[in-house]
Amino acid sequence: EFISAYAIDLKSCRVLTSELIGEFLECFR
C-alpha cells in the first residue's frame, strides 16, 4: 500500500528520503 501510494515519488528517487522513511515506518507496529 505504501508503494502504491508513493509510486511517483519512488520512481523519481534512487535513495529513500527522510520524509519517505517517516511515511514508510507507518507500515509497522
PDB file of all heavy atoms in Angstrom:
ATOM      1  N   GLU A   1       0.831  -1.206   0.000  1.00  0.00           N
ATOM      2  CA  GLU A   1       0.000   0.000   0.000  1.00  0.00           C
ATOM      3  C   GLU A   1       0.866   1.256   0.000  1.00  0.00           C
ATOM      4  O   GLU A   1       0.545   2.244  -0.659  1.00  0.00           O
ATOM      5  CB  GLU A   1      -0.925   0.013   1.219  1.00  0.00           C
ATOM      6  CG  GLU A   1      -1.999  -1.041   1.200  1.00  0.00           C
ATOM      7  CD  GLU A   1      -2.797  -1.082   2.479  1.00  0.00           C
ATOM      8  OE1 GLU A   1      -2.243  -0.799   3.561  1.00  0.00           O
ATOM      9  OE2 GLU A   1      -3.998  -1.384   2.387  1.00  0.00           O
ATOM     10  N   PHE A   2       1.980   1.216   0.740  1.00  0.00           N
ATOM     11  CA  PHE A   2       2.919   2.347   0.745  1.00  0.00           C
ATOM     12  C   PHE A   2       3.503   2.557  -0.641  1.00  0.00           C
ATOM     13  O   PHE A   2       3.578   3.688  -1.133  1.00  0.00           O
ATOM     14  CB  PHE A   2       4.039   2.099   1.766  1.00  0.00           C
ATOM     15  CG  PHE A   2       5.195   3.040   1.633  1.00  0.00           C
ATOM     16  CD1 PHE A   2       5.106   4.331   2.104  1.00  0.00           C
ATOM     17  CD2 PHE A   2       6.365   2.635   1.012  1.00  0.00           C
ATOM     18  CE1 PHE A   2       6.169   5.212   1.975  1.00  0.00           C
ATOM     19  CE2 PHE A   2       7.431   3.504   0.883  1.00  0.00           C
ATOM     20  CZ  PHE A   2       7.329   4.794   1.364  1.00  0.00           C
ATOM     21  N   ILE A   3       3.895   1.461  -1.290  1.00  0.00           N
ATOM     22  CA  ILE A   3       4.489   1.569  -2.620  1.00  0.00           C
ATOM     23  C   ILE A   3       3.476   2.124  -3.615  1.00  0.00           C
ATOM     24  O   ILE A   3       3.803   2.986  -4.438  1.00  0.00           O
ATOM     25  CB  ILE A   3       5.041   0.203  -3.076  1.00  0.00           C
ATOM     26  CG1 ILE A   3       6.270  -0.172  -2.241  1.00  0.00           C
ATOM     27  CG2 ILE A   3       5.395   0.205  -4.554  1.00  0.00           C
ATOM     28  CD1 ILE A   3       6.788  -1.568  -2.478  1.00  0.00           C
ATOM     29  N   SER A   4       2.238   1.667  -3.551  1.00  0.00           N
ATOM     30  CA  SER A   4       1.237   2.175  -4.495  1.00  0.00           C
ATOM     31  C   SER A   4       0.882   3.633  -4.205  1.00  0.00           C
ATOM     32  O   SER A   4       0.605   4.397  -5.135  1.00  0.00           O
ATOM     33  CB  SER A   4      -0.013   1.301  -4.467  1.00  0.00           C
ATOM     34  OG  SER A   4      -0.638   1.379  -3.208  1.00  0.00           O
ATOM     35  N   ALA A   5       0.908   4.049  -2.935  1.00  0.00           N
ATOM     36  CA  ALA A   5       0.571   5.431  -2.606  1.00  0.00           C
ATOM     37  C   ALA A   5       1.675   6.405  -3.019  1.00  0.00           C
ATOM     38  O   ALA A   5       1.405   7.529  -3.416  1.00  0.00           O
ATOM     39  CB  ALA A   5       0.303   5.558  -1.112  1.00  0.00           C
ATOM     40  N   TYR A   6       2.925   5.968  -2.938  1.00  0.00           N
ATOM     41  CA  TYR A   6       4.060   6.850  -3.229  1.00  0.00           C
ATOM     42  C   TYR A   6       4.841   6.393  -4.458  1.00  0.00           C
ATOM     43  O   TYR A   6       6.048   6.614  -4.547  1.00  0.00           O
ATOM     44  CB  TYR A   6       4.992   6.923  -2.016  1.00  0.00           C
ATOM     45  CG  TYR A   6       4.375   7.652  -0.869  1.00  0.00           C
ATOM     46  CD1 TYR A   6       3.783   6.962   0.184  1.00  0.00           C
ATOM     47  CD2 TYR A   6       4.341   9.036  -0.839  1.00  0.00           C
ATOM     48  CE1 TYR A   6       3.193   7.630   1.233  1.00  0.00           C
ATOM     49  CE2 TYR A   6       3.761   9.716   0.206  1.00  0.00           C
ATOM     50  CZ  TYR A   6       3.189   9.007   1.239  1.00  0.00           C
ATOM     51  OH  TYR A   6       2.603   9.676   2.268  1.00  0.00           O
ATOM     52  N   ALA A   7       4.169   5.777  -5.413  1.00  0.00           N
ATOM     53  CA  ALA A   7       4.847   5.236  -6.603  1.00  0.00           C
ATOM     54  C   ALA A   7       5.552   6.331  -7.400  1.00  0.00           C
ATOM     55  O   ALA A   7       6.680   6.138  -7.855  1.00  0.00           O
ATOM     56  CB  ALA A   7       3.855   4.492  -7.485  1.00  0.00           C
ATOM     57  N   ILE A   8       4.920   7.476  -7.557  1.00  0.00           N
ATOM     58  CA  ILE A   8       5.519   8.554  -8.352  1.00  0.00           C
ATOM     59  C   ILE A   8       6.781   9.086  -7.673  1.00  0.00           C
ATOM     60  O   ILE A   8       7.808   9.306  -8.332  1.00  0.00           O
ATOM     61  CB  ILE A   8       4.490   9.685  -8.564  1.00  0.00           C
ATOM     62  CG1 ILE A   8       3.312   9.150  -9.373  1.00  0.00           C
ATOM     63  CG2 ILE A   8       5.122  10.888  -9.249  1.00  0.00           C
ATOM     64  CD1 ILE A   8       2.141  10.077  -9.430  1.00  0.00           C
ATOM     65  N   ASP A   9       6.724   9.269  -6.356  1.00  0.00           N
ATOM     66  CA  ASP A   9       7.902   9.750  -5.632  1.00  0.00           C
ATOM     67  C   ASP A   9       9.021   8.722  -5.641  1.00  0.00           C
ATOM     68  O   ASP A   9      10.200   9.075  -5.719  1.00  0.00           O
ATOM     69  CB  ASP A   9       7.536  10.089  -4.185  1.00  0.00           C
ATOM     70  CG  ASP A   9       6.555  11.239  -4.091  1.00  0.00           C
ATOM     71  OD1 ASP A   9       6.525  12.060  -5.026  1.00  0.00           O
ATOM     72  OD2 ASP A   9       5.826  11.308  -3.093  1.00  0.00           O
ATOM     73  N   LEU A  10       8.668   7.441  -5.543  1.00  0.00           N
ATOM     74  CA  LEU A  10       9.684   6.397  -5.516  1.00  0.00           C
ATOM     75  C   LEU A  10      10.355   6.224  -6.869  1.00  0.00           C
ATOM     76  O   LEU A  10      11.545   5.920  -6.944  1.00  0.00           O
ATOM     77  CB  LEU A  10       9.073   5.067  -5.067  1.00  0.00           C
ATOM     78  CG  LEU A  10       8.622   4.998  -3.610  1.00  0.00           C
ATOM     79  CD1 LEU A  10       7.893   3.699  -3.343  1.00  0.00           C
ATOM     80  CD2 LEU A  10       9.795   5.155  -2.685  1.00  0.00           C
ATOM     81  N   LYS A  11       9.610   6.420  -7.957  1.00  0.00           N
ATOM     82  CA  LYS A  11      10.204   6.279  -9.285  1.00  0.00           C
ATOM     83  C   LYS A  11      11.221   7.367  -9.563  1.00  0.00           C
ATOM     84  O   LYS A  11      12.184   7.143 -10.290  1.00  0.00           O
ATOM     85  CB  LYS A  11       9.116   6.312 -10.364  1.00  0.00           C
ATOM     86  CG  LYS A  11       8.274   5.062 -10.409  1.00  0.00           C
ATOM     87  CD  LYS A  11       7.196   5.174 -11.452  1.00  0.00           C
ATOM     88  CE  LYS A  11       6.289   3.954 -11.435  1.00  0.00           C
ATOM     89  NZ  LYS A  11       5.194   4.058 -12.395  1.00  0.00           N
ATOM     90  N   SER A  12      11.024   8.539  -8.977  1.00  0.00           N
ATOM     91  CA  SER A  12      11.926   9.654  -9.258  1.00  0.00           C
ATOM     92  C   SER A  12      13.149   9.684  -8.348  1.00  0.00           C
ATOM     93  O   SER A  12      14.057  10.459  -8.580  1.00  0.00           O
ATOM     94  CB  SER A  12      11.168  10.980  -9.138  1.00  0.00           C
ATOM     95  OG  SER A  12      10.737  11.160  -7.803  1.00  0.00           O
ATOM     96  N   CYS A  13      13.201   8.848  -7.306  1.00  0.00           N
ATOM     97  CA  CYS A  13      14.354   8.886  -6.404  1.00  0.00           C
ATOM     98  C   CYS A  13      15.149   7.591  -6.487  1.00  0.00           C
ATOM     99  O   CYS A  13      14.653   6.561  -6.934  1.00  0.00           O
ATOM    100  CB  CYS A  13      13.892   9.130  -4.969  1.00  0.00           C
ATOM    101  SG  CYS A  13      13.070   7.745  -4.199  1.00  0.00           S
ATOM    102  N   ARG A  14      16.385   7.680  -6.082  1.00  0.00           N
ATOM    103  CA  ARG A  14      17.240   6.490  -6.025  1.00  0.00           C
ATOM    104  C   ARG A  14      17.458   6.021  -4.587  1.00  0.00           C
ATOM    105  O   ARG A  14      17.722   4.866  -4.338  1.00  0.00           O
ATOM    106  CB  ARG A  14      18.579   6.769  -6.677  1.00  0.00           C
ATOM    107  CG  ARG A  14      18.461   7.096  -8.143  1.00  0.00           C
ATOM    108  CD  ARG A  14      19.787   6.855  -8.832  1.00  0.00           C
ATOM    109  NE  ARG A  14      19.706   7.199 -10.234  1.00  0.00           N
ATOM    110  CZ  ARG A  14      19.285   6.380 -11.164  1.00  0.00           C
ATOM    111  NH1 ARG A  14      18.874   5.180 -10.845  1.00  0.00           N
ATOM    112  NH2 ARG A  14      19.261   6.755 -12.420  1.00  0.00           N
ATOM    113  N   VAL A  15      17.356   6.935  -3.635  1.00  0.00           N
ATOM    114  CA  VAL A  15      17.532   6.643  -2.217  1.00  0.00           C
ATOM    115  C   VAL A  15      16.330   7.217  -1.482  1.00  0.00           C
ATOM    116  O   VAL A  15      15.836   8.286  -1.828  1.00  0.00           O
ATOM    117  CB  VAL A  15      18.838   7.283  -1.687  1.00  0.00           C
ATOM    118  CG1 VAL A  15      19.020   6.994  -0.214  1.00  0.00           C
ATOM    119  CG2 VAL A  15      20.038   6.785  -2.463  1.00  0.00           C
ATOM    120  N   LEU A  16      15.861   6.505  -0.461  1.00  0.00           N
ATOM    121  CA  LEU A  16      14.719   6.976   0.318  1.00  0.00           C
ATOM    122  C   LEU A  16      15.076   8.246   1.081  1.00  0.00           C
ATOM    123  O   LEU A  16      16.094   8.306   1.761  1.00  0.00           O
ATOM    124  CB  LEU A  16      14.270   5.911   1.309  1.00  0.00           C
ATOM    125  CG  LEU A  16      13.590   4.679   0.742  1.00  0.00           C
ATOM    126  CD1 LEU A  16      13.324   3.675   1.839  1.00  0.00           C
ATOM    127  CD2 LEU A  16      12.304   5.056   0.057  1.00  0.00           C
ATOM    128  N   THR A  17      14.237   9.255   0.960  1.00  0.00           N
ATOM    129  CA  THR A  17      14.433  10.489   1.714  1.00  0.00           C
ATOM    130  C   THR A  17      13.869  10.321   3.118  1.00  0.00           C
ATOM    131  O   THR A  17      13.134   9.378   3.395  1.00  0.00           O
ATOM    132  CB  THR A  17      13.741  11.667   1.009  1.00  0.00           C
ATOM    133  OG1 THR A  17      12.337  11.390   0.955  1.00  0.00           O
ATOM    134  CG2 THR A  17      14.280  11.869  -0.392  1.00  0.00           C
ATOM    135  N   SER A  18      14.196  11.253   3.991  1.00  0.00           N
ATOM    136  CA  SER A  18      13.720  11.144   5.371  1.00  0.00           C
ATOM    137  C   SER A  18      12.200  11.274   5.452  1.00  0.00           C
ATOM    138  O   SER A  18      11.575  10.659   6.303  1.00  0.00           O
ATOM    139  CB  SER A  18      14.398  12.195   6.250  1.00  0.00           C
ATOM    140  OG  SER A  18      14.168  13.483   5.736  1.00  0.00           O
ATOM    141  N   GLU A  19      11.585  12.057   4.544  1.00  0.00           N
ATOM    142  CA  GLU A  19      10.124  12.166   4.540  1.00  0.00           C
ATOM    143  C   GLU A  19       9.484  10.833   4.149  1.00  0.00           C
ATOM    144  O   GLU A  19       8.502  10.405   4.739  1.00  0.00           O
ATOM    145  CB  GLU A  19       9.661  13.266   3.574  1.00  0.00           C
ATOM    146  CG  GLU A  19      10.039  14.665   4.000  1.00  0.00           C
ATOM    147  CD  GLU A  19      11.430  15.062   3.531  1.00  0.00           C
ATOM    148  OE1 GLU A  19      11.978  14.384   2.628  1.00  0.00           O
ATOM    149  OE2 GLU A  19      11.971  16.021   4.072  1.00  0.00           O
ATOM    150  N   LEU A  20      10.053  10.189   3.133  1.00  0.00           N
ATOM    151  CA  LEU A  20       9.522   8.887   2.712  1.00  0.00           C
ATOM    152  C   LEU A  20       9.738   7.822   3.781  1.00  0.00           C
ATOM    153  O   LEU A  20       8.904   6.945   3.966  1.00  0.00           O
ATOM    154  CB  LEU A  20      10.150   8.452   1.390  1.00  0.00           C
ATOM    155  CG  LEU A  20       9.667   9.189   0.147  1.00  0.00           C
ATOM    156  CD1 LEU A  20      10.484   8.770  -1.064  1.00  0.00           C
ATOM    157  CD2 LEU A  20       8.204   8.929  -0.093  1.00  0.00           C
ATOM    158  N   ILE A  21      10.857   7.904   4.486  1.00  0.00           N
ATOM    159  CA  ILE A  21      11.116   6.936   5.553  1.00  0.00           C
ATOM    160  C   ILE A  21      10.101   7.109   6.677  1.00  0.00           C
ATOM    161  O   ILE A  21       9.589   6.142   7.238  1.00  0.00           O
ATOM    162  CB  ILE A  21      12.556   7.073   6.078  1.00  0.00           C
ATOM    163  CG1 ILE A  21      13.544   6.643   4.999  1.00  0.00           C
ATOM    164  CG2 ILE A  21      12.768   6.252   7.335  1.00  0.00           C
ATOM    165  CD1 ILE A  21      14.979   6.955   5.318  1.00  0.00           C
ATOM    166  N   GLY A  22       9.781   8.360   7.006  1.00  0.00           N
ATOM    167  CA  GLY A  22       8.773   8.612   8.034  1.00  0.00           C
ATOM    168  C   GLY A  22       7.426   8.033   7.655  1.00  0.00           C
ATOM    169  O   GLY A  22       6.724   7.446   8.485  1.00  0.00           O
ATOM    170  N   GLU A  23       7.037   8.175   6.394  1.00  0.00           N
ATOM    171  CA  GLU A  23       5.783   7.585   5.925  1.00  0.00           C
ATOM    172  C   GLU A  23       5.885   6.061   5.860  1.00  0.00           C
ATOM    173  O   GLU A  23       4.922   5.353   6.134  1.00  0.00           O
ATOM    174  CB  GLU A  23       5.411   8.142   4.549  1.00  0.00           C
ATOM    175  CG  GLU A  23       5.083   9.612   4.547  1.00  0.00           C
ATOM    176  CD  GLU A  23       3.806   9.939   5.283  1.00  0.00           C
ATOM    177  OE1 GLU A  23       2.884   9.105   5.281  1.00  0.00           O
ATOM    178  OE2 GLU A  23       3.740  11.025   5.878  1.00  0.00           O
ATOM    179  N   PHE A  24       7.058   5.547   5.487  1.00  0.00           N
ATOM    180  CA  PHE A  24       7.272   4.102   5.386  1.00  0.00           C
ATOM    181  C   PHE A  24       7.127   3.425   6.750  1.00  0.00           C
ATOM    182  O   PHE A  24       6.583   2.328   6.855  1.00  0.00           O
ATOM    183  CB  PHE A  24       8.667   3.842   4.801  1.00  0.00           C
ATOM    184  CG  PHE A  24       9.096   2.412   4.844  1.00  0.00           C
ATOM    185  CD1 PHE A  24       8.516   1.481   4.000  1.00  0.00           C
ATOM    186  CD2 PHE A  24      10.068   1.995   5.723  1.00  0.00           C
ATOM    187  CE1 PHE A  24       8.911   0.159   4.034  1.00  0.00           C
ATOM    188  CE2 PHE A  24      10.465   0.683   5.760  1.00  0.00           C
ATOM    189  CZ  PHE A  24       9.887  -0.238   4.914  1.00  0.00           C
ATOM    190  N   LEU A  25       7.572   4.095   7.806  1.00  0.00           N
ATOM    191  CA  LEU A  25       7.527   3.487   9.133  1.00  0.00           C
ATOM    192  C   LEU A  25       6.122   3.429   9.716  1.00  0.00           C
ATOM    193  O   LEU A  25       5.909   2.810  10.756  1.00  0.00           O
ATOM    194  CB  LEU A  25       8.479   4.221  10.082  1.00  0.00           C
ATOM    195  CG  LEU A  25       9.954   3.970   9.770  1.00  0.00           C
ATOM    196  CD1 LEU A  25      10.837   4.840  10.630  1.00  0.00           C
ATOM    197  CD2 LEU A  25      10.307   2.509   9.952  1.00  0.00           C
ATOM    198  N   GLU A  26       5.138   4.046   9.036  1.00  0.00           N
ATOM    199  CA  GLU A  26       3.751   3.886   9.456  1.00  0.00           C
ATOM    200  C   GLU A  26       3.220   2.494   9.111  1.00  0.00           C
ATOM    201  O   GLU A  26       2.142   2.127   9.529  1.00  0.00           O
ATOM    202  CB  GLU A  26       2.869   4.937   8.792  1.00  0.00           C
ATOM    203  CG  GLU A  26       3.058   6.322   9.343  1.00  0.00           C
ATOM    204  CD  GLU A  26       2.088   7.300   8.743  1.00  0.00           C
ATOM    205  OE1 GLU A  26       1.067   6.864   8.176  1.00  0.00           O
ATOM    206  OE2 GLU A  26       2.351   8.507   8.835  1.00  0.00           O
ATOM    207  N   CYS A  27       3.982   1.729   8.349  1.00  0.00           N
ATOM    208  CA  CYS A  27       3.572   0.377   7.971  1.00  0.00           C
ATOM    209  C   CYS A  27       3.860  -0.644   9.068  1.00  0.00           C
ATOM    210  O   CYS A  27       3.599  -1.829   8.882  1.00  0.00           O
ATOM    211  CB  CYS A  27       4.289  -0.058   6.694  1.00  0.00           C
ATOM    212  SG  CYS A  27       3.942   0.972   5.270  1.00  0.00           S
ATOM    213  N   PHE A  28       4.406  -0.216  10.188  1.00  0.00           N
ATOM    214  CA  PHE A  28       4.839  -1.158  11.219  1.00  0.00           C
ATOM    215  C   PHE A  28       4.289  -0.743  12.582  1.00  0.00           C
ATOM    216  O   PHE A  28       4.207   0.437  12.896  1.00  0.00           O
ATOM    217  CB  PHE A  28       6.372  -1.221  11.274  1.00  0.00           C
ATOM    218  CG  PHE A  28       6.983  -1.608   9.967  1.00  0.00           C
ATOM    219  CD1 PHE A  28       7.468  -0.645   9.107  1.00  0.00           C
ATOM    220  CD2 PHE A  28       7.029  -2.929   9.577  1.00  0.00           C
ATOM    221  CE1 PHE A  28       8.014  -0.984   7.896  1.00  0.00           C
ATOM    222  CE2 PHE A  28       7.568  -3.282   8.364  1.00  0.00           C
ATOM    223  CZ  PHE A  28       8.065  -2.309   7.515  1.00  0.00           C
ATOM    224  N   ARG A  29       3.945  -1.741  13.378  1.00  0.00           N
ATOM    225  CA  ARG A  29       3.505  -1.512  14.747  1.00  0.00           C
ATOM    226  C   ARG A  29       4.701  -1.790  15.653  1.00  0.00           C
ATOM    227  O   ARG A  29       5.255  -2.884  15.652  1.00  0.00           O
ATOM    228  CB  ARG A  29       2.334  -2.428  15.096  1.00  0.00           C
ATOM    229  CG  ARG A  29       1.843  -2.214  16.512  1.00  0.00           C
ATOM    230  CD  ARG A  29       0.546  -2.923  16.786  1.00  0.00           C
ATOM    231  NE  ARG A  29      -0.522  -2.157  16.130  1.00  0.00           N
ATOM    232  CZ  ARG A  29      -1.439  -2.696  15.359  1.00  0.00           C
ATOM    233  NH1 ARG A  29      -1.453  -3.971  15.133  1.00  0.00           N
ATOM    234  NH2 ARG A  29      -2.372  -1.950  14.805  1.00  0.00           N
TER     235      ARG A  29
END
